Amino acid sequence: MDVFTLVSCLIVFGLVATTILLGVFSKRSALDILDWKPTRSPEVEAENEIDDLAQMMEAQNEIRRRRGKPERTLEDVENEWHGS
């Protein structure tokens, strides 16, 4: 192994080790460092998921009605998903 390769590998290893050690011994959390705060509460996120599901079911049922197939309920989808 030539000197350039050895020095390059040592520099890369040193940078990785320094980054890991800074993360391990830092007293601040990653959220504090990034100053990240959620934009919505978990309750709002849950409501959005429920609304999205209702919209997807309605869109799917509209397509099924056009094709002459019976509509699906949430229970039908859950039973299919659980394998019942």
PDB file of N, CA and C in Angstrom:
ATOM      1  N   MET A   1       0.854  -1.159   0.000  1.00  0.00           N
ATOM      2  CA  MET A   1       0.000   0.000   0.000  1.00  0.00           C
ATOM      3  C   MET A   1       0.910   1.235   0.000  1.00  0.00           C
ATOM      4  N   ASP A   2       0.606   2.151  -0.901  1.00  0.00           N
ATOM      5  CA  ASP A   2       1.451   3.339  -0.973  1.00  0.00           C
ATOM      6  C   ASP A   2       1.033   4.375   0.082  1.00  0.00           C
ATOM      7  N   VAL A   3       1.866   5.363   0.274  1.00  0.00           N
ATOM      8  CA  VAL A   3       1.682   6.359   1.327  1.00  0.00           C
ATOM      9  C   VAL A   3       0.407   7.172   1.099  1.00  0.00           C
ATOM     10  N   PHE A   4       0.098   7.531  -0.139  1.00  0.00           N
ATOM     11  CA  PHE A   4      -1.087   8.324  -0.438  1.00  0.00           C
ATOM     12  C   PHE A   4      -2.356   7.587  -0.015  1.00  0.00           C
ATOM     13  N   THR A   5      -2.442   6.316  -0.345  1.00  0.00           N
ATOM     14  CA  THR A   5      -3.616   5.522   0.019  1.00  0.00           C
ATOM     15  C   THR A   5      -3.747   5.426   1.532  1.00  0.00           C
ATOM     16  N   LEU A   6      -2.645   5.206   2.211  1.00  0.00           N
ATOM     17  CA  LEU A   6      -2.665   5.092   3.667  1.00  0.00           C
ATOM     18  C   LEU A   6      -3.117   6.400   4.314  1.00  0.00           C
ATOM     19  N   VAL A   7      -2.569   7.520   3.873  1.00  0.00           N
ATOM     20  CA  VAL A   7      -2.939   8.819   4.434  1.00  0.00           C
ATOM     21  C   VAL A   7      -4.405   9.134   4.126  1.00  0.00           C
ATOM     22  N   SER A   8      -4.851   8.850   2.915  1.00  0.00           N
ATOM     23  CA  SER A   8      -6.252   9.109   2.545  1.00  0.00           C
ATOM     24  C   SER A   8      -7.201   8.289   3.405  1.00  0.00           C
ATOM     25  N   CYS A   9      -6.880   7.021   3.608  1.00  0.00           N
ATOM     26  CA  CYS A   9      -7.720   6.159   4.435  1.00  0.00           C
ATOM     27  C   CYS A   9      -7.740   6.640   5.887  1.00  0.00           C
ATOM     28  N   LEU A  10      -6.599   7.082   6.405  1.00  0.00           N
ATOM     29  CA  LEU A  10      -6.547   7.591   7.767  1.00  0.00           C
ATOM     30  C   LEU A  10      -7.371   8.872   7.921  1.00  0.00           C
ATOM     31  N   ILE A  11      -7.329   9.739   6.944  1.00  0.00           N
ATOM     32  CA  ILE A  11      -8.119  10.975   6.996  1.00  0.00           C
ATOM     33  C   ILE A  11      -9.615  10.652   6.989  1.00  0.00           C
ATOM     34  N   VAL A  12     -10.029   9.773   6.099  1.00  0.00           N
ATOM     35  CA  VAL A  12     -11.448   9.391   6.032  1.00  0.00           C
ATOM     36  C   VAL A  12     -11.869   8.731   7.339  1.00  0.00           C
ATOM     37  N   PHE A  13     -11.069   7.810   7.845  1.00  0.00           N
ATOM     38  CA  PHE A  13     -11.385   7.148   9.108  1.00  0.00           C
ATOM     39  C   PHE A  13     -11.461   8.173  10.244  1.00  0.00           C
ATOM     40  N   GLY A  14     -10.547   9.125  10.273  1.00  0.00           N
ATOM     41  CA  GLY A  14     -10.550  10.158  11.307  1.00  0.00           C
ATOM     42  C   GLY A  14     -11.798  11.024  11.251  1.00  0.00           C
ATOM     43  N   LEU A  15     -12.221  11.396  10.049  1.00  0.00           N
ATOM     44  CA  LEU A  15     -13.434  12.197   9.903  1.00  0.00           C
ATOM     45  C   LEU A  15     -14.671  11.428  10.375  1.00  0.00           C
ATOM     46  N   VAL A  16     -14.764  10.169   9.988  1.00  0.00           N
ATOM     47  CA  VAL A  16     -15.905   9.343  10.401  1.00  0.00           C
ATOM     48  C   VAL A  16     -15.893   9.158  11.910  1.00  0.00           C
ATOM     49  N   ALA A  17     -14.732   8.846  12.482  1.00  0.00           N
ATOM     50  CA  ALA A  17     -14.628   8.638  13.925  1.00  0.00           C
ATOM     51  C   ALA A  17     -14.961   9.914  14.682  1.00  0.00           C
ATOM     52  N   THR A  18     -14.480  11.058  14.202  1.00  0.00           N
ATOM     53  CA  THR A  18     -14.775  12.339  14.848  1.00  0.00           C
ATOM     54  C   THR A  18     -16.274  12.632  14.814  1.00  0.00           C
ATOM     55  N   THR A  19     -16.907  12.398  13.688  1.00  0.00           N
ATOM     56  CA  THR A  19     -18.346  12.635  13.561  1.00  0.00           C
ATOM     57  C   THR A  19     -19.131  11.748  14.521  1.00  0.00           C
ATOM     58  N   ILE A  20     -18.763  10.482  14.585  1.00  0.00           N
ATOM     59  CA  ILE A  20     -19.454   9.558  15.484  1.00  0.00           C
ATOM     60  C   ILE A  20     -19.244   9.950  16.941  1.00  0.00           C
ATOM     61  N   LEU A  21     -18.018  10.299  17.309  1.00  0.00           N
ATOM     62  CA  LEU A  21     -17.742  10.690  18.692  1.00  0.00           C
ATOM     63  C   LEU A  21     -18.450  11.983  19.070  1.00  0.00           C
ATOM     64  N   LEU A  22     -18.530  12.933  18.157  1.00  0.00           N
ATOM     65  CA  LEU A  22     -19.274  14.155  18.433  1.00  0.00           C
ATOM     66  C   LEU A  22     -20.748  13.851  18.676  1.00  0.00           C
ATOM     67  N   GLY A  23     -21.305  12.924  17.911  1.00  0.00           N
ATOM     68  CA  GLY A  23     -22.701  12.541  18.099  1.00  0.00           C
ATOM     69  C   GLY A  23     -22.930  11.817  19.400  1.00  0.00           C
ATOM     70  N   VAL A  24     -22.004  10.961  19.772  1.00  0.00           N
ATOM     71  CA  VAL A  24     -22.164  10.173  20.998  1.00  0.00           C
ATOM     72  C   VAL A  24     -22.031  11.050  22.237  1.00  0.00           C
ATOM     73  N   PHE A  25     -21.075  11.944  22.252  1.00  0.00           N
ATOM     74  CA  PHE A  25     -20.796  12.719  23.448  1.00  0.00           C
ATOM     75  C   PHE A  25     -21.466  14.088  23.478  1.00  0.00           C
ATOM     76  N   SER A  26     -22.251  14.402  22.481  1.00  0.00           N
ATOM     77  CA  SER A  26     -22.945  15.685  22.468  1.00  0.00           C
ATOM     78  C   SER A  26     -24.068  15.685  23.494  1.00  0.00           C
ATOM     79  N   LYS A  27     -24.228  16.774  24.203  1.00  0.00           N
ATOM     80  CA  LYS A  27     -25.279  16.887  25.208  1.00  0.00           C
ATOM     81  C   LYS A  27     -26.598  17.325  24.586  1.00  0.00           C
ATOM     82  N   ARG A  28     -26.569  17.815  23.370  1.00  0.00           N
ATOM     83  CA  ARG A  28     -27.780  18.248  22.678  1.00  0.00           C
ATOM     84  C   ARG A  28     -28.316  17.119  21.811  1.00  0.00           C
ATOM     85  N   SER A  29     -29.625  17.076  21.668  1.00  0.00           N
ATOM     86  CA  SER A  29     -30.221  16.060  20.799  1.00  0.00           C
ATOM     87  C   SER A  29     -30.173  16.544  19.356  1.00  0.00           C
ATOM     88  N   ALA A  30     -30.379  15.623  18.442  1.00  0.00           N
ATOM     89  CA  ALA A  30     -30.374  15.978  17.028  1.00  0.00           C
ATOM     90  C   ALA A  30     -31.500  16.961  16.715  1.00  0.00           C
ATOM     91  N   LEU A  31     -32.627  16.829  17.404  1.00  0.00           N
ATOM     92  CA  LEU A  31     -33.743  17.745  17.178  1.00  0.00           C
ATOM     93  C   LEU A  31     -33.384  19.158  17.623  1.00  0.00           C
ATOM     94  N   ASP A  32     -32.622  19.282  18.703  1.00  0.00           N
ATOM     95  CA  ASP A  32     -32.184  20.607  19.147  1.00  0.00           C
ATOM     96  C   ASP A  32     -31.203  21.214  18.152  1.00  0.00           C
ATOM     97  N   ILE A  33     -30.287  20.411  17.663  1.00  0.00           N
ATOM     98  CA  ILE A  33     -29.278  20.909  16.718  1.00  0.00           C
ATOM     99  C   ILE A  33     -29.952  21.376  15.428  1.00  0.00           C
ATOM    100  N   LEU A  34     -30.898  20.593  14.940  1.00  0.00           N
ATOM    101  CA  LEU A  34     -31.588  20.935  13.697  1.00  0.00           C
ATOM    102  C   LEU A  34     -32.700  21.945  13.907  1.00  0.00           C
ATOM    103  N   ASP A  35     -33.069  22.212  15.168  1.00  0.00           N
ATOM    104  CA  ASP A  35     -34.162  23.106  15.516  1.00  0.00           C
ATOM    105  C   ASP A  35     -35.447  22.658  14.821  1.00  0.00           C
ATOM    106  N   TRP A  36     -35.703  21.359  14.878  1.00  0.00           N
ATOM    107  CA  TRP A  36     -36.864  20.772  14.215  1.00  0.00           C
ATOM    108  C   TRP A  36     -38.037  20.720  15.174  1.00  0.00           C
ATOM    109  N   LYS A  37     -39.151  21.226  14.706  1.00  0.00           N
ATOM    110  CA  LYS A  37     -40.386  21.146  15.466  1.00  0.00           C
ATOM    111  C   LYS A  37     -41.486  20.674  14.521  1.00  0.00           C
ATOM    112  N   PRO A  38     -42.323  19.747  14.971  1.00  0.00           N
ATOM    113  CA  PRO A  38     -43.396  19.285  14.090  1.00  0.00           C
ATOM    114  C   PRO A  38     -44.352  20.425  13.758  1.00  0.00           C
ATOM    115  N   THR A  39     -44.850  20.428  12.539  1.00  0.00           N
ATOM    116  CA  THR A  39     -45.749  21.493  12.123  1.00  0.00           C
ATOM    117  C   THR A  39     -47.184  21.226  12.538  1.00  0.00           C
ATOM    118  N   ARG A  40     -47.526  19.945  12.747  1.00  0.00           N
ATOM    119  CA  ARG A  40     -48.885  19.603  13.143  1.00  0.00           C
ATOM    120  C   ARG A  40     -48.836  18.656  14.327  1.00  0.00           C
ATOM    121  N   SER A  41     -49.886  18.658  15.094  1.00  0.00           N
ATOM    122  CA  SER A  41     -49.968  17.767  16.243  1.00  0.00           C
ATOM    123  C   SER A  41     -50.294  16.348  15.775  1.00  0.00           C
ATOM    124  N   PRO A  42     -50.022  15.347  16.604  1.00  0.00           N
ATOM    125  CA  PRO A  42     -50.379  13.968  16.234  1.00  0.00           C
ATOM    126  C   PRO A  42     -51.878  13.789  15.998  1.00  0.00           C
ATOM    127  N   GLU A  43     -52.696  14.558  16.712  1.00  0.00           N
ATOM    128  CA  GLU A  43     -54.140  14.450  16.519  1.00  0.00           C
ATOM    129  C   GLU A  43     -54.548  14.914  15.122  1.00  0.00           C
ATOM    130  N   VAL A  44     -53.942  16.016  14.672  1.00  0.00           N
ATOM    131  CA  VAL A  44     -54.241  16.524  13.332  1.00  0.00           C
ATOM    132  C   VAL A  44     -53.755  15.535  12.281  1.00  0.00           C
ATOM    133  N   GLU A  45     -52.587  14.945  12.502  1.00  0.00           N
ATOM    134  CA  GLU A  45     -52.073  13.936  11.564  1.00  0.00           C
ATOM    135  C   GLU A  45     -53.028  12.739  11.472  1.00  0.00           C
ATOM    136  N   ALA A  46     -53.552  12.296  12.616  1.00  0.00           N
ATOM    137  CA  ALA A  46     -54.492  11.172  12.620  1.00  0.00           C
ATOM    138  C   ALA A  46     -55.770  11.536  11.870  1.00  0.00           C
ATOM    139  N   GLU A  47     -56.273  12.740  12.082  1.00  0.00           N
ATOM    140  CA  GLU A  47     -57.470  13.186  11.354  1.00  0.00           C
ATOM    141  C   GLU A  47     -57.206  13.233   9.854  1.00  0.00           C
ATOM    142  N   ASN A  48     -56.030  13.711   9.465  1.00  0.00           N
ATOM    143  CA  ASN A  48     -55.682  13.757   8.040  1.00  0.00           C
ATOM    144  C   ASN A  48     -55.636  12.355   7.437  1.00  0.00           C
ATOM    145  N   GLU A  49     -55.088  11.402   8.180  1.00  0.00           N
ATOM    146  CA  GLU A  49     -55.035  10.020   7.683  1.00  0.00           C
ATOM    147  C   GLU A  49     -56.438   9.455   7.496  1.00  0.00           C
ATOM    148  N   ILE A  50     -57.322   9.724   8.448  1.00  0.00           N
ATOM    149  CA  ILE A  50     -58.704   9.234   8.345  1.00  0.00           C
ATOM    150  C   ILE A  50     -59.397   9.861   7.139  1.00  0.00           C
ATOM    151  N   ASP A  51     -59.202  11.172   6.947  1.00  0.00           N
ATOM    152  CA  ASP A  51     -59.790  11.852   5.794  1.00  0.00           C
ATOM    153  C   ASP A  51     -59.242  11.300   4.486  1.00  0.00           C
ATOM    154  N   ASP A  52     -57.943  11.060   4.436  1.00  0.00           N
ATOM    155  CA  ASP A  52     -57.331  10.500   3.229  1.00  0.00           C
ATOM    156  C   ASP A  52     -57.919   9.137   2.906  1.00  0.00           C
ATOM    157  N   LEU A  53     -58.071   8.310   3.925  1.00  0.00           N
ATOM    158  CA  LEU A  53     -58.626   6.970   3.716  1.00  0.00           C
ATOM    159  C   LEU A  53     -60.051   7.062   3.182  1.00  0.00           C
ATOM    160  N   ALA A  54     -60.857   7.954   3.752  1.00  0.00           N
ATOM    161  CA  ALA A  54     -62.236   8.112   3.290  1.00  0.00           C
ATOM    162  C   ALA A  54     -62.268   8.577   1.837  1.00  0.00           C
ATOM    163  N   GLN A  55     -61.395   9.512   1.474  1.00  0.00           N
ATOM    164  CA  GLN A  55     -61.343   9.988   0.093  1.00  0.00           C
ATOM    165  C   GLN A  55     -60.910   8.886  -0.866  1.00  0.00           C
ATOM    166  N   MET A  56     -59.934   8.082  -0.460  1.00  0.00           N
ATOM    167  CA  MET A  56     -59.484   6.979  -1.329  1.00  0.00           C
ATOM    168  C   MET A  56     -60.580   5.936  -1.508  1.00  0.00           C
ATOM    169  N   MET A  57     -61.300   5.626  -0.416  1.00  0.00           N
ATOM    170  CA  MET A  57     -62.384   4.652  -0.518  1.00  0.00           C
ATOM    171  C   MET A  57     -63.492   5.175  -1.433  1.00  0.00           C
ATOM    172  N   GLU A  58     -63.828   6.453  -1.319  1.00  0.00           N
ATOM    173  CA  GLU A  58     -64.874   7.035  -2.159  1.00  0.00           C
ATOM    174  C   GLU A  58     -64.444   7.018  -3.626  1.00  0.00           C
ATOM    175  N   ALA A  59     -63.198   7.350  -3.906  1.00  0.00           N
ATOM    176  CA  ALA A  59     -62.716   7.342  -5.292  1.00  0.00           C
ATOM    177  C   ALA A  59     -62.733   5.927  -5.860  1.00  0.00           C
ATOM    178  N   GLN A  60     -62.318   4.965  -5.058  1.00  0.00           N
ATOM    179  CA  GLN A  60     -62.323   3.579  -5.524  1.00  0.00           C
ATOM    180  C   GLN A  60     -63.756   3.098  -5.761  1.00  0.00           C
ATOM    181  N   ASN A  61     -64.655   3.453  -4.863  1.00  0.00           N
ATOM    182  CA  ASN A  61     -66.046   3.033  -5.026  1.00  0.00           C
ATOM    183  C   ASN A  61     -66.700   3.701  -6.226  1.00  0.00           C
ATOM    184  N   GLU A  62     -66.318   4.929  -6.540  1.00  0.00           N
ATOM    185  CA  GLU A  62     -66.850   5.583  -7.733  1.00  0.00           C
ATOM    186  C   GLU A  62     -66.444   4.827  -8.991  1.00  0.00           C
ATOM    187  N   ILE A  63     -65.194   4.402  -9.041  1.00  0.00           N
ATOM    188  CA  ILE A  63     -64.718   3.626 -10.191  1.00  0.00           C
ATOM    189  C   ILE A  63     -65.444   2.281 -10.239  1.00  0.00           C
ATOM    190  N   ARG A  64     -65.634   1.649  -9.086  1.00  0.00           N
ATOM    191  CA  ARG A  64     -66.333   0.360  -9.048  1.00  0.00           C
ATOM    192  C   ARG A  64     -67.790   0.517  -9.502  1.00  0.00           C
ATOM    193  N   ARG A  65     -68.448   1.627  -9.117  1.00  0.00           N
ATOM    194  CA  ARG A  65     -69.831   1.859  -9.553  1.00  0.00           C
ATOM    195  C   ARG A  65     -69.898   1.997 -11.069  1.00  0.00           C
ATOM    196  N   ARG A  66     -68.941   2.717 -11.656  1.00  0.00           N
ATOM    197  CA  ARG A  66     -68.923   2.876 -13.107  1.00  0.00           C
ATOM    198  C   ARG A  66     -68.745   1.545 -13.813  1.00  0.00           C
ATOM    199  N   ARG A  67     -68.020   0.645 -13.208  1.00  0.00           N
ATOM    200  CA  ARG A  67     -67.782  -0.672 -13.808  1.00  0.00           C
ATOM    201  C   ARG A  67     -68.892  -1.664 -13.486  1.00  0.00           C
ATOM    202  N   GLY A  68     -69.830  -1.260 -12.631  1.00  0.00           N
ATOM    203  CA  GLY A  68     -70.932  -2.141 -12.275  1.00  0.00           C
ATOM    204  C   GLY A  68     -70.593  -3.117 -11.167  1.00  0.00           C
ATOM    205  N   LYS A  69     -69.522  -2.888 -10.453  1.00  0.00           N
ATOM    206  CA  LYS A  69     -69.125  -3.760  -9.348  1.00  0.00           C
ATOM    207  C   LYS A  69     -69.703  -3.217  -8.040  1.00  0.00           C
ATOM    208  N   PRO A  70     -69.861  -4.086  -7.052  1.00  0.00           N
ATOM    209  CA  PRO A  70     -70.378  -3.612  -5.769  1.00  0.00           C
ATOM    210  C   PRO A  70     -69.339  -2.747  -5.046  1.00  0.00           C
ATOM    211  N   GLU A  71     -69.845  -1.814  -4.232  1.00  0.00           N
ATOM    212  CA  GLU A  71     -68.949  -0.952  -3.479  1.00  0.00           C
ATOM    213  C   GLU A  71     -68.278  -1.734  -2.362  1.00  0.00           C
ATOM    214  N   ARG A  72     -67.117  -1.257  -1.957  1.00  0.00           N
ATOM    215  CA  ARG A  72     -66.384  -1.882  -0.855  1.00  0.00           C
ATOM    216  C   ARG A  72     -66.488  -0.994   0.374  1.00  0.00           C
ATOM    217  N   THR A  73     -66.559  -1.627   1.519  1.00  0.00           N
ATOM    218  CA  THR A  73     -66.578  -0.900   2.775  1.00  0.00           C
ATOM    219  C   THR A  73     -65.185  -0.997   3.411  1.00  0.00           C
ATOM    220  N   LEU A  74     -64.991  -0.212   4.445  1.00  0.00           N
ATOM    221  CA  LEU A  74     -63.724  -0.256   5.167  1.00  0.00           C
ATOM    222  C   LEU A  74     -63.499  -1.646   5.762  1.00  0.00           C
ATOM    223  N   GLU A  75     -64.565  -2.279   6.217  1.00  0.00           N
ATOM    224  CA  GLU A  75     -64.450  -3.626   6.780  1.00  0.00           C
ATOM    225  C   GLU A  75     -63.988  -4.630   5.722  1.00  0.00           C
ATOM    226  N   ASP A  76     -64.484  -4.475   4.474  1.00  0.00           N
ATOM    227  CA  ASP A  76     -64.040  -5.362   3.392  1.00  0.00           C
ATOM    228  C   ASP A  76     -62.537  -5.234   3.172  1.00  0.00           C
ATOM    229  N   VAL A  77     -62.056  -4.012   3.157  1.00  0.00           N
ATOM    230  CA  VAL A  77     -60.630  -3.785   2.934  1.00  0.00           C
ATOM    231  C   VAL A  77     -59.818  -4.340   4.096  1.00  0.00           C
ATOM    232  N   GLU A  78     -60.278  -4.092   5.327  1.00  0.00           N
ATOM    233  CA  GLU A  78     -59.558  -4.622   6.492  1.00  0.00           C
ATOM    234  C   GLU A  78     -59.525  -6.131   6.487  1.00  0.00           C
ATOM    235  N   ASN A  79     -60.642  -6.771   6.154  1.00  0.00           N
ATOM    236  CA  ASN A  79     -60.670  -8.235   6.104  1.00  0.00           C
ATOM    237  C   ASN A  79     -59.739  -8.778   5.023  1.00  0.00           C
ATOM    238  N   GLU A  80     -59.692  -8.104   3.879  1.00  0.00           N
ATOM    239  CA  GLU A  80     -58.788  -8.534   2.810  1.00  0.00           C
ATOM    240  C   GLU A  80     -57.335  -8.352   3.242  1.00  0.00           C
ATOM    241  N   TRP A  81     -57.059  -7.243   3.920  1.00  0.00           N
ATOM    242  CA  TRP A  81     -55.702  -6.952   4.354  1.00  0.00           C
ATOM    243  C   TRP A  81     -55.238  -7.937   5.429  1.00  0.00           C
ATOM    244  N   HIS A  82     -56.140  -8.325   6.328  1.00  0.00           N
ATOM    245  CA  HIS A  82     -55.786  -9.256   7.393  1.00  0.00           C
ATOM    246  C   HIS A  82     -55.814 -10.704   6.911  1.00  0.00           C
ATOM    247  N   GLY A  83     -56.274 -10.925   5.705  1.00  0.00           N
ATOM    248  CA  GLY A  83     -56.273 -12.268   5.155  1.00  0.00           C
ATOM    249  C   GLY A  83     -57.460 -13.103   5.561  1.00  0.00           C
ATOM    250  N   SER A  84     -58.523 -12.480   6.010  1.00  0.00           N
ATOM    251  CA  SER A  84     -59.706 -13.232   6.447  1.00  0.00           C
ATOM    252  C   SER A  84     -60.606 -13.516   5.277  1.00  0.00           C
TER     253      SER A  84
END
